[in-house]
Amino acid sequence: MNARHMTDGAIAYTIGDINAAIAANPENPKVFAYLAQRESLKAESALRERKRLFRRNVALRADPLTLAHAWQRRQARRLSDYHAKQRWTAAFSLGWIRLQGGAQ
């Protein structure tokens, strides 16, 4: 069972179901597998809660304009890298043509 594809309600329900199964029959040979599953579900639930709190704090503190500027700077950097590669390719092609005795 992949906890990443489960809803929060499904995770809570599964944890409760595992707890009930362990309480009902602690001698079951699958108890250790149930415990491992429960711990992974708890870890996923805690991770989601930390992400929720982080996003809430960022939403309260972050200025949308500042975030937009950061995105624009990254986009400009990507474009400048792309254009630098294009200039290098053009210069290389021109030099190669001249080396071969082509257009002057």
PDB file of N, CA and C in Angstrom:
ATOM      1  N   MET A   1       0.854  -1.173   0.000  1.00  0.00           N
ATOM      2  CA  MET A   1       0.000   0.000   0.000  1.00  0.00           C
ATOM      3  C   MET A   1       0.900   1.237   0.000  1.00  0.00           C
ATOM      4  N   ASN A   2       0.684   2.147  -0.917  1.00  0.00           N
ATOM      5  CA  ASN A   2       1.484   3.350  -1.028  1.00  0.00           C
ATOM      6  C   ASN A   2       0.765   4.495  -0.339  1.00  0.00           C
ATOM      7  N   ALA A   3       1.350   4.995   0.728  1.00  0.00           N
ATOM      8  CA  ALA A   3       0.709   6.039   1.525  1.00  0.00           C
ATOM      9  C   ALA A   3       0.662   7.372   0.791  1.00  0.00           C
ATOM     10  N   ARG A   4       1.541   7.576  -0.161  1.00  0.00           N
ATOM     11  CA  ARG A   4       1.560   8.866  -0.868  1.00  0.00           C
ATOM     12  C   ARG A   4       0.298   9.093  -1.695  1.00  0.00           C
ATOM     13  N   HIS A   5      -0.335   8.012  -2.099  1.00  0.00           N
ATOM     14  CA  HIS A   5      -1.526   8.142  -2.935  1.00  0.00           C
ATOM     15  C   HIS A   5      -2.808   8.059  -2.124  1.00  0.00           C
ATOM     16  N   MET A   6      -2.688   8.038  -0.802  1.00  0.00           N
ATOM     17  CA  MET A   6      -3.866   7.950   0.060  1.00  0.00           C
ATOM     18  C   MET A   6      -4.242   9.337   0.562  1.00  0.00           C
ATOM     19  N   THR A   7      -5.524   9.537   0.815  1.00  0.00           N
ATOM     20  CA  THR A   7      -5.967  10.791   1.413  1.00  0.00           C
ATOM     21  C   THR A   7      -5.658  10.761   2.903  1.00  0.00           C
ATOM     22  N   ASP A   8      -5.746  11.930   3.533  1.00  0.00           N
ATOM     23  CA  ASP A   8      -5.496  11.996   4.969  1.00  0.00           C
ATOM     24  C   ASP A   8      -6.500  11.148   5.748  1.00  0.00           C
ATOM     25  N   GLY A   9      -7.739  11.180   5.319  1.00  0.00           N
ATOM     26  CA  GLY A   9      -8.765  10.371   5.977  1.00  0.00           C
ATOM     27  C   GLY A   9      -8.493   8.883   5.843  1.00  0.00           C
ATOM     28  N   ALA A  10      -8.032   8.470   4.674  1.00  0.00           N
ATOM     29  CA  ALA A  10      -7.727   7.055   4.456  1.00  0.00           C
ATOM     30  C   ALA A  10      -6.539   6.620   5.316  1.00  0.00           C
ATOM     31  N   ILE A  11      -5.560   7.508   5.474  1.00  0.00           N
ATOM     32  CA  ILE A  11      -4.416   7.183   6.333  1.00  0.00           C
ATOM     33  C   ILE A  11      -4.871   7.022   7.777  1.00  0.00           C
ATOM     34  N   ALA A  12      -5.681   7.954   8.268  1.00  0.00           N
ATOM     35  CA  ALA A  12      -6.169   7.874   9.650  1.00  0.00           C
ATOM     36  C   ALA A  12      -7.003   6.608   9.860  1.00  0.00           C
ATOM     37  N   TYR A  13      -7.861   6.285   8.892  1.00  0.00           N
ATOM     38  CA  TYR A  13      -8.693   5.091   9.003  1.00  0.00           C
ATOM     39  C   TYR A  13      -7.835   3.823   9.022  1.00  0.00           C
ATOM     40  N   THR A  14      -6.819   3.770   8.164  1.00  0.00           N
ATOM     41  CA  THR A  14      -5.958   2.593   8.091  1.00  0.00           C
ATOM     42  C   THR A  14      -5.157   2.426   9.378  1.00  0.00           C
ATOM     43  N   ILE A  15      -4.670   3.522   9.939  1.00  0.00           N
ATOM     44  CA  ILE A  15      -3.942   3.438  11.209  1.00  0.00           C
ATOM     45  C   ILE A  15      -4.855   2.889  12.300  1.00  0.00           C
ATOM     46  N   GLY A  16      -6.084   3.398  12.359  1.00  0.00           N
ATOM     47  CA  GLY A  16      -7.042   2.892  13.339  1.00  0.00           C
ATOM     48  C   GLY A  16      -7.359   1.425  13.123  1.00  0.00           C
ATOM     49  N   ASP A  17      -7.492   1.023  11.880  1.00  0.00           N
ATOM     50  CA  ASP A  17      -7.776  -0.375  11.554  1.00  0.00           C
ATOM     51  C   ASP A  17      -6.614  -1.276  11.962  1.00  0.00           C
ATOM     52  N   ILE A  18      -5.395  -0.821  11.722  1.00  0.00           N
ATOM     53  CA  ILE A  18      -4.221  -1.597  12.121  1.00  0.00           C
ATOM     54  C   ILE A  18      -4.156  -1.725  13.635  1.00  0.00           C
ATOM     55  N   ASN A  19      -4.430  -0.630  14.358  1.00  0.00           N
ATOM     56  CA  ASN A  19      -4.430  -0.683  15.819  1.00  0.00           C
ATOM     57  C   ASN A  19      -5.469  -1.672  16.328  1.00  0.00           C
ATOM     58  N   ALA A  20      -6.655  -1.676  15.712  1.00  0.00           N
ATOM     59  CA  ALA A  20      -7.704  -2.613  16.122  1.00  0.00           C
ATOM     60  C   ALA A  20      -7.297  -4.053  15.830  1.00  0.00           C
ATOM     61  N   ALA A  21      -6.646  -4.290  14.688  1.00  0.00           N
ATOM     62  CA  ALA A  21      -6.214  -5.642  14.338  1.00  0.00           C
ATOM     63  C   ALA A  21      -5.145  -6.144  15.299  1.00  0.00           C
ATOM     64  N   ILE A  22      -4.237  -5.271  15.701  1.00  0.00           N
ATOM     65  CA  ILE A  22      -3.192  -5.670  16.643  1.00  0.00           C
ATOM     66  C   ILE A  22      -3.794  -5.948  18.023  1.00  0.00           C
ATOM     67  N   ALA A  23      -4.723  -5.089  18.443  1.00  0.00           N
ATOM     68  CA  ALA A  23      -5.361  -5.280  19.750  1.00  0.00           C
ATOM     69  C   ALA A  23      -6.204  -6.560  19.762  1.00  0.00           C
ATOM     70  N   ALA A  24      -6.829  -6.892  18.659  1.00  0.00           N
ATOM     71  CA  ALA A  24      -7.693  -8.070  18.601  1.00  0.00           C
ATOM     72  C   ALA A  24      -6.894  -9.362  18.631  1.00  0.00           C
ATOM     73  N   ASN A  25      -5.740  -9.385  17.965  1.00  0.00           N
ATOM     74  CA  ASN A  25      -4.975 -10.630  17.899  1.00  0.00           C
ATOM     75  C   ASN A  25      -3.476 -10.310  17.920  1.00  0.00           C
ATOM     76  N   PRO A  26      -2.914 -10.067  19.114  1.00  0.00           N
ATOM     77  CA  PRO A  26      -1.491  -9.713  19.183  1.00  0.00           C
ATOM     78  C   PRO A  26      -0.553 -10.886  18.866  1.00  0.00           C
ATOM     79  N   GLU A  27      -1.080 -12.096  18.801  1.00  0.00           N
ATOM     80  CA  GLU A  27      -0.259 -13.272  18.506  1.00  0.00           C
ATOM     81  C   GLU A  27      -0.149 -13.551  17.009  1.00  0.00           C
ATOM     82  N   ASN A  28      -0.789 -12.743  16.204  1.00  0.00           N
ATOM     83  CA  ASN A  28      -0.770 -12.927  14.758  1.00  0.00           C
ATOM     84  C   ASN A  28       0.669 -12.788  14.243  1.00  0.00           C
ATOM     85  N   PRO A  29       1.125 -13.667  13.378  1.00  0.00           N
ATOM     86  CA  PRO A  29       2.499 -13.544  12.856  1.00  0.00           C
ATOM     87  C   PRO A  29       2.706 -12.304  11.976  1.00  0.00           C
ATOM     88  N   LYS A  30       1.631 -11.691  11.534  1.00  0.00           N
ATOM     89  CA  LYS A  30       1.759 -10.501  10.684  1.00  0.00           C
ATOM     90  C   LYS A  30       1.845  -9.202  11.490  1.00  0.00           C
ATOM     91  N   VAL A  31       1.918  -9.300  12.814  1.00  0.00           N
ATOM     92  CA  VAL A  31       1.916  -8.100  13.656  1.00  0.00           C
ATOM     93  C   VAL A  31       3.078  -7.180  13.299  1.00  0.00           C
ATOM     94  N   PHE A  32       4.255  -7.746  13.043  1.00  0.00           N
ATOM     95  CA  PHE A  32       5.408  -6.898  12.741  1.00  0.00           C
ATOM     96  C   PHE A  32       5.237  -6.182  11.401  1.00  0.00           C
ATOM     97  N   ALA A  33       4.611  -6.844  10.457  1.00  0.00           N
ATOM     98  CA  ALA A  33       4.312  -6.173   9.180  1.00  0.00           C
ATOM     99  C   ALA A  33       3.296  -5.055   9.401  1.00  0.00           C
ATOM    100  N   TYR A  34       2.301  -5.318  10.272  1.00  0.00           N
ATOM    101  CA  TYR A  34       1.309  -4.283  10.580  1.00  0.00           C
ATOM    102  C   TYR A  34       1.974  -3.084  11.253  1.00  0.00           C
ATOM    103  N   LEU A  35       2.886  -3.367  12.178  1.00  0.00           N
ATOM    104  CA  LEU A  35       3.584  -2.279  12.865  1.00  0.00           C
ATOM    105  C   LEU A  35       4.427  -1.452  11.901  1.00  0.00           C
ATOM    106  N   ALA A  36       5.098  -2.110  10.985  1.00  0.00           N
ATOM    107  CA  ALA A  36       5.906  -1.388  10.000  1.00  0.00           C
ATOM    108  C   ALA A  36       5.024  -0.517   9.118  1.00  0.00           C
ATOM    109  N   GLN A  37       3.884  -1.057   8.711  1.00  0.00           N
ATOM    110  CA  GLN A  37       2.949  -0.282   7.891  1.00  0.00           C
ATOM    111  C   GLN A  37       2.405   0.916   8.663  1.00  0.00           C
ATOM    112  N   ARG A  38       2.073   0.673   9.940  1.00  0.00           N
ATOM    113  CA  ARG A  38       1.540   1.766  10.758  1.00  0.00           C
ATOM    114  C   ARG A  38       2.575   2.879  10.904  1.00  0.00           C
ATOM    115  N   GLU A  39       3.838   2.516  11.116  1.00  0.00           N
ATOM    116  CA  GLU A  39       4.879   3.532  11.265  1.00  0.00           C
ATOM    117  C   GLU A  39       5.088   4.319   9.969  1.00  0.00           C
ATOM    118  N   SER A  40       5.015   3.639   8.838  1.00  0.00           N
ATOM    119  CA  SER A  40       5.173   4.366   7.572  1.00  0.00           C
ATOM    120  C   SER A  40       3.993   5.309   7.339  1.00  0.00           C
ATOM    121  N   LEU A  41       2.799   4.878   7.724  1.00  0.00           N
ATOM    122  CA  LEU A  41       1.630   5.749   7.585  1.00  0.00           C
ATOM    123  C   LEU A  41       1.720   6.946   8.532  1.00  0.00           C
ATOM    124  N   LYS A  42       2.204   6.717   9.741  1.00  0.00           N
ATOM    125  CA  LYS A  42       2.374   7.828  10.679  1.00  0.00           C
ATOM    126  C   LYS A  42       3.422   8.813  10.168  1.00  0.00           C
ATOM    127  N   ALA A  43       4.490   8.293   9.594  1.00  0.00           N
ATOM    128  CA  ALA A  43       5.538   9.166   9.051  1.00  0.00           C
ATOM    129  C   ALA A  43       4.993  10.007   7.899  1.00  0.00           C
ATOM    130  N   GLU A  44       4.203   9.395   7.029  1.00  0.00           N
ATOM    131  CA  GLU A  44       3.606  10.140   5.914  1.00  0.00           C
ATOM    132  C   GLU A  44       2.650  11.213   6.430  1.00  0.00           C
ATOM    133  N   SER A  45       1.870  10.865   7.452  1.00  0.00           N
ATOM    134  CA  SER A  45       0.936  11.829   8.038  1.00  0.00           C
ATOM    135  C   SER A  45       1.691  12.999   8.662  1.00  0.00           C
ATOM    136  N   ALA A  46       2.781  12.706   9.387  1.00  0.00           N
ATOM    137  CA  ALA A  46       3.582  13.771   9.993  1.00  0.00           C
ATOM    138  C   ALA A  46       4.241  14.647   8.928  1.00  0.00           C
ATOM    139  N   LEU A  47       4.708  14.030   7.854  1.00  0.00           N
ATOM    140  CA  LEU A  47       5.311  14.790   6.762  1.00  0.00           C
ATOM    141  C   LEU A  47       4.307  15.745   6.133  1.00  0.00           C
ATOM    142  N   ARG A  48       3.096  15.257   5.909  1.00  0.00           N
ATOM    143  CA  ARG A  48       2.054  16.132   5.348  1.00  0.00           C
ATOM    144  C   ARG A  48       1.729  17.283   6.285  1.00  0.00           C
ATOM    145  N   GLU A  49       1.693  17.007   7.576  1.00  0.00           N
ATOM    146  CA  GLU A  49       1.395  18.069   8.542  1.00  0.00           C
ATOM    147  C   GLU A  49       2.506  19.115   8.554  1.00  0.00           C
ATOM    148  N   ARG A  50       3.775  18.670   8.502  1.00  0.00           N
ATOM    149  CA  ARG A  50       4.881  19.629   8.440  1.00  0.00           C
ATOM    150  C   ARG A  50       4.800  20.483   7.172  1.00  0.00           C
ATOM    151  N   LYS A  51       4.448  19.855   6.052  1.00  0.00           N
ATOM    152  CA  LYS A  51       4.311  20.621   4.811  1.00  0.00           C
ATOM    153  C   LYS A  51       3.184  21.637   4.910  1.00  0.00           C
ATOM    154  N   ARG A  52       2.061  21.222   5.524  1.00  0.00           N
ATOM    155  CA  ARG A  52       0.941  22.150   5.691  1.00  0.00           C
ATOM    156  C   ARG A  52       1.338  23.353   6.537  1.00  0.00           C
ATOM    157  N   LEU A  53       2.026  23.091   7.654  1.00  0.00           N
ATOM    158  CA  LEU A  53       2.455  24.187   8.516  1.00  0.00           C
ATOM    159  C   LEU A  53       3.448  25.096   7.812  1.00  0.00           C
ATOM    160  N   PHE A  54       4.373  24.514   7.059  1.00  0.00           N
ATOM    161  CA  PHE A  54       5.353  25.313   6.329  1.00  0.00           C
ATOM    162  C   PHE A  54       4.661  26.202   5.297  1.00  0.00           C
ATOM    163  N   ARG A  55       3.732  25.613   4.542  1.00  0.00           N
ATOM    164  CA  ARG A  55       3.026  26.403   3.523  1.00  0.00           C
ATOM    165  C   ARG A  55       2.203  27.509   4.155  1.00  0.00           C
ATOM    166  N   ARG A  56       1.606  27.225   5.309  1.00  0.00           N
ATOM    167  CA  ARG A  56       0.810  28.248   5.993  1.00  0.00           C
ATOM    168  C   ARG A  56       1.708  29.389   6.435  1.00  0.00           C
ATOM    169  N   ASN A  57       2.900  29.060   6.996  1.00  0.00           N
ATOM    170  CA  ASN A  57       3.823  30.099   7.434  1.00  0.00           C
ATOM    171  C   ASN A  57       4.359  30.902   6.260  1.00  0.00           C
ATOM    172  N   VAL A  58       4.656  30.230   5.155  1.00  0.00           N
ATOM    173  CA  VAL A  58       5.151  30.938   3.975  1.00  0.00           C
ATOM    174  C   VAL A  58       4.074  31.854   3.421  1.00  0.00           C
ATOM    175  N   ALA A  59       2.845  31.370   3.404  1.00  0.00           N
ATOM    176  CA  ALA A  59       1.749  32.181   2.876  1.00  0.00           C
ATOM    177  C   ALA A  59       1.529  33.418   3.735  1.00  0.00           C
ATOM    178  N   LEU A  60       1.767  33.311   5.036  1.00  0.00           N
ATOM    179  CA  LEU A  60       1.582  34.465   5.908  1.00  0.00           C
ATOM    180  C   LEU A  60       2.721  35.470   5.780  1.00  0.00           C
ATOM    181  N   ARG A  61       3.945  34.976   5.560  1.00  0.00           N
ATOM    182  CA  ARG A  61       5.111  35.862   5.556  1.00  0.00           C
ATOM    183  C   ARG A  61       5.532  36.347   4.182  1.00  0.00           C
ATOM    184  N   ALA A  62       5.267  35.573   3.169  1.00  0.00           N
ATOM    185  CA  ALA A  62       5.821  35.874   1.852  1.00  0.00           C
ATOM    186  C   ALA A  62       5.017  36.954   1.143  1.00  0.00           C
ATOM    187  N   ASP A  63       5.736  37.842   0.527  1.00  0.00           N
ATOM    188  CA  ASP A  63       5.126  38.875  -0.307  1.00  0.00           C
ATOM    189  C   ASP A  63       5.025  38.311  -1.721  1.00  0.00           C
ATOM    190  N   PRO A  64       3.826  38.246  -2.296  1.00  0.00           N
ATOM    191  CA  PRO A  64       3.697  37.664  -3.639  1.00  0.00           C
ATOM    192  C   PRO A  64       4.571  38.357  -4.677  1.00  0.00           C
ATOM    193  N   LEU A  65       4.773  39.661  -4.508  1.00  0.00           N
ATOM    194  CA  LEU A  65       5.594  40.393  -5.454  1.00  0.00           C
ATOM    195  C   LEU A  65       7.049  39.915  -5.392  1.00  0.00           C
ATOM    196  N   THR A  66       7.546  39.651  -4.187  1.00  0.00           N
ATOM    197  CA  THR A  66       8.909  39.159  -4.024  1.00  0.00           C
ATOM    198  C   THR A  66       9.061  37.781  -4.657  1.00  0.00           C
ATOM    199  N   LEU A  67       8.068  36.929  -4.446  1.00  0.00           N
ATOM    200  CA  LEU A  67       8.121  35.606  -5.053  1.00  0.00           C
ATOM    201  C   LEU A  67       8.103  35.704  -6.573  1.00  0.00           C
ATOM    202  N   ALA A  68       7.321  36.633  -7.105  1.00  0.00           N
ATOM    203  CA  ALA A  68       7.261  36.814  -8.556  1.00  0.00           C
ATOM    204  C   ALA A  68       8.614  37.287  -9.090  1.00  0.00           C
ATOM    205  N   HIS A  69       9.276  38.180  -8.352  1.00  0.00           N
ATOM    206  CA  HIS A  69      10.587  38.657  -8.800  1.00  0.00           C
ATOM    207  C   HIS A  69      11.596  37.521  -8.820  1.00  0.00           C
ATOM    208  N   ALA A  70      11.542  36.656  -7.814  1.00  0.00           N
ATOM    209  CA  ALA A  70      12.469  35.524  -7.787  1.00  0.00           C
ATOM    210  C   ALA A  70      12.225  34.622  -8.984  1.00  0.00           C
ATOM    211  N   TRP A  71      10.970  34.384  -9.318  1.00  0.00           N
ATOM    212  CA  TRP A  71      10.657  33.552 -10.477  1.00  0.00           C
ATOM    213  C   TRP A  71      11.154  34.215 -11.754  1.00  0.00           C
ATOM    214  N   GLN A  72      10.955  35.527 -11.866  1.00  0.00           N
ATOM    215  CA  GLN A  72      11.409  36.238 -13.058  1.00  0.00           C
ATOM    216  C   GLN A  72      12.928  36.176 -13.192  1.00  0.00           C
ATOM    217  N   ARG A  73      13.648  36.283 -12.072  1.00  0.00           N
ATOM    218  CA  ARG A  73      15.104  36.191 -12.135  1.00  0.00           C
ATOM    219  C   ARG A  73      15.550  34.801 -12.594  1.00  0.00           C
ATOM    220  N   ARG A  74      14.895  33.755 -12.079  1.00  0.00           N
ATOM    221  CA  ARG A  74      15.246  32.403 -12.520  1.00  0.00           C
ATOM    222  C   ARG A  74      14.955  32.226 -14.005  1.00  0.00           C
ATOM    223  N   GLN A  75      13.823  32.748 -14.448  1.00  0.00           N
ATOM    224  CA  GLN A  75      13.458  32.627 -15.859  1.00  0.00           C
ATOM    225  C   GLN A  75      14.461  33.376 -16.739  1.00  0.00           C
ATOM    226  N   ALA A  76      14.866  34.570 -16.315  1.00  0.00           N
ATOM    227  CA  ALA A  76      15.843  35.339 -17.090  1.00  0.00           C
ATOM    228  C   ALA A  76      17.172  34.604 -17.146  1.00  0.00           C
ATOM    229  N   ARG A  77      17.556  33.969 -16.048  1.00  0.00           N
ATOM    230  CA  ARG A  77      18.810  33.217 -16.027  1.00  0.00           C
ATOM    231  C   ARG A  77      18.748  32.028 -16.988  1.00  0.00           C
ATOM    232  N   ARG A  78      17.604  31.335 -16.988  1.00  0.00           N
ATOM    233  CA  ARG A  78      17.449  30.211 -17.913  1.00  0.00           C
ATOM    234  C   ARG A  78      17.558  30.685 -19.357  1.00  0.00           C
ATOM    235  N   LEU A  79      16.904  31.788 -19.665  1.00  0.00           N
ATOM    236  CA  LEU A  79      16.939  32.305 -21.034  1.00  0.00           C
ATOM    237  C   LEU A  79      18.348  32.749 -21.413  1.00  0.00           C
ATOM    238  N   SER A  80      19.063  33.403 -20.483  1.00  0.00           N
ATOM    239  CA  SER A  80      20.414  33.858 -20.818  1.00  0.00           C
ATOM    240  C   SER A  80      21.337  32.655 -21.043  1.00  0.00           C
ATOM    241  N   ASP A  81      21.169  31.583 -20.255  1.00  0.00           N
ATOM    242  CA  ASP A  81      21.957  30.370 -20.484  1.00  0.00           C
ATOM    243  C   ASP A  81      21.652  29.783 -21.857  1.00  0.00           C
ATOM    244  N   TYR A  82      20.365  29.769 -22.196  1.00  0.00           N
ATOM    245  CA  TYR A  82      19.962  29.234 -23.495  1.00  0.00           C
ATOM    246  C   TYR A  82      20.584  30.055 -24.625  1.00  0.00           C
ATOM    247  N   HIS A  83      20.515  31.384 -24.512  1.00  0.00           N
ATOM    248  CA  HIS A  83      21.046  32.233 -25.571  1.00  0.00           C
ATOM    249  C   HIS A  83      22.568  32.132 -25.647  1.00  0.00           C
ATOM    250  N   ALA A  84      23.231  31.966 -24.507  1.00  0.00           N
ATOM    251  CA  ALA A  84      24.690  31.789 -24.533  1.00  0.00           C
ATOM    252  C   ALA A  84      25.042  30.512 -25.287  1.00  0.00           C
ATOM    253  N   LYS A  85      24.287  29.450 -25.067  1.00  0.00           N
ATOM    254  CA  LYS A  85      24.544  28.201 -25.789  1.00  0.00           C
ATOM    255  C   LYS A  85      24.292  28.384 -27.285  1.00  0.00           C
ATOM    256  N   GLN A  86      23.253  29.135 -27.619  1.00  0.00           N
ATOM    257  CA  GLN A  86      22.958  29.373 -29.030  1.00  0.00           C
ATOM    258  C   GLN A  86      24.075  30.183 -29.686  1.00  0.00           C
ATOM    259  N   ARG A  87      24.596  31.206 -28.981  1.00  0.00           N
ATOM    260  CA  ARG A  87      25.682  32.015 -29.547  1.00  0.00           C
ATOM    261  C   ARG A  87      26.928  31.157 -29.756  1.00  0.00           C
ATOM    262  N   TRP A  88      27.245  30.303 -28.782  1.00  0.00           N
ATOM    263  CA  TRP A  88      28.404  29.449 -28.911  1.00  0.00           C
ATOM    264  C   TRP A  88      28.246  28.506 -30.095  1.00  0.00           C
ATOM    265  N   THR A  89      27.061  27.944 -30.259  1.00  0.00           N
ATOM    266  CA  THR A  89      26.806  27.034 -31.371  1.00  0.00           C
ATOM    267  C   THR A  89      26.942  27.762 -32.702  1.00  0.00           C
ATOM    268  N   ALA A  90      26.411  28.986 -32.778  1.00  0.00           N
ATOM    269  CA  ALA A  90      26.510  29.761 -34.020  1.00  0.00           C
ATOM    270  C   ALA A  90      27.966  30.101 -34.331  1.00  0.00           C
ATOM    271  N   ALA A  91      28.716  30.500 -33.314  1.00  0.00           N
ATOM    272  CA  ALA A  91      30.122  30.845 -33.532  1.00  0.00           C
ATOM    273  C   ALA A  91      30.915  29.613 -33.956  1.00  0.00           C
ATOM    274  N   PHE A  92      30.655  28.492 -33.343  1.00  0.00           N
ATOM    275  CA  PHE A  92      31.337  27.262 -33.710  1.00  0.00           C
ATOM    276  C   PHE A  92      31.025  26.880 -35.148  1.00  0.00           C
ATOM    277  N   SER A  93      29.736  26.979 -35.525  1.00  0.00           N
ATOM    278  CA  SER A  93      29.342  26.618 -36.888  1.00  0.00           C
ATOM    279  C   SER A  93      30.006  27.534 -37.907  1.00  0.00           C
ATOM    280  N   LEU A  94      30.034  28.844 -37.615  1.00  0.00           N
ATOM    281  CA  LEU A  94      30.653  29.794 -38.528  1.00  0.00           C
ATOM    282  C   LEU A  94      32.153  29.507 -38.663  1.00  0.00           C
ATOM    283  N   GLY A  95      32.813  29.245 -37.534  1.00  0.00           N
ATOM    284  CA  GLY A  95      34.237  28.925 -37.572  1.00  0.00           C
ATOM    285  C   GLY A  95      34.505  27.639 -38.342  1.00  0.00           C
ATOM    286  N   TRP A  96      33.644  26.654 -38.163  1.00  0.00           N
ATOM    287  CA  TRP A  96      33.813  25.383 -38.871  1.00  0.00           C
ATOM    288  C   TRP A  96      33.653  25.576 -40.376  1.00  0.00           C
ATOM    289  N   ILE A  97      32.690  26.386 -40.775  1.00  0.00           N
ATOM    290  CA  ILE A  97      32.474  26.650 -42.206  1.00  0.00           C
ATOM    291  C   ILE A  97      33.683  27.380 -42.778  1.00  0.00           C
ATOM    292  N   ARG A  98      34.191  28.362 -42.039  1.00  0.00           N
ATOM    293  CA  ARG A  98      35.367  29.088 -42.531  1.00  0.00           C
ATOM    294  C   ARG A  98      36.595  28.168 -42.599  1.00  0.00           C
ATOM    295  N   LEU A  99      36.728  27.297 -41.628  1.00  0.00           N
ATOM    296  CA  LEU A  99      37.848  26.362 -41.614  1.00  0.00           C
ATOM    297  C   LEU A  99      37.804  25.427 -42.820  1.00  0.00           C
ATOM    298  N   GLN A 100      36.604  25.065 -43.235  1.00  0.00           N
ATOM    299  CA  GLN A 100      36.439  24.169 -44.367  1.00  0.00           C
ATOM    300  C   GLN A 100      36.555  24.917 -45.708  1.00  0.00           C
ATOM    301  N   GLY A 101      36.719  26.232 -45.635  1.00  0.00           N
ATOM    302  CA  GLY A 101      36.888  27.010 -46.861  1.00  0.00           C
ATOM    303  C   GLY A 101      35.561  27.409 -47.494  1.00  0.00           C
ATOM    304  N   GLY A 102      34.549  27.493 -46.675  1.00  0.00           N
ATOM    305  CA  GLY A 102      33.219  27.848 -47.175  1.00  0.00           C
ATOM    306  C   GLY A 102      33.041  29.345 -47.239  1.00  0.00           C
ATOM    307  N   ALA A 103      31.902  29.839 -46.825  1.00  0.00           N
ATOM    308  CA  ALA A 103      31.539  31.252 -46.913  1.00  0.00           C
ATOM    309  C   ALA A 103      32.544  32.119 -46.153  1.00  0.00           C
ATOM    310  N   GLN A 104      32.835  33.275 -46.745  1.00  0.00           N
ATOM    311  CA  GLN A 104      33.802  34.178 -46.115  1.00  0.00           C
ATOM    312  C   GLN A 104      33.226  35.509 -45.798  1.00  0.00           C
TER     313      GLN A 104
END
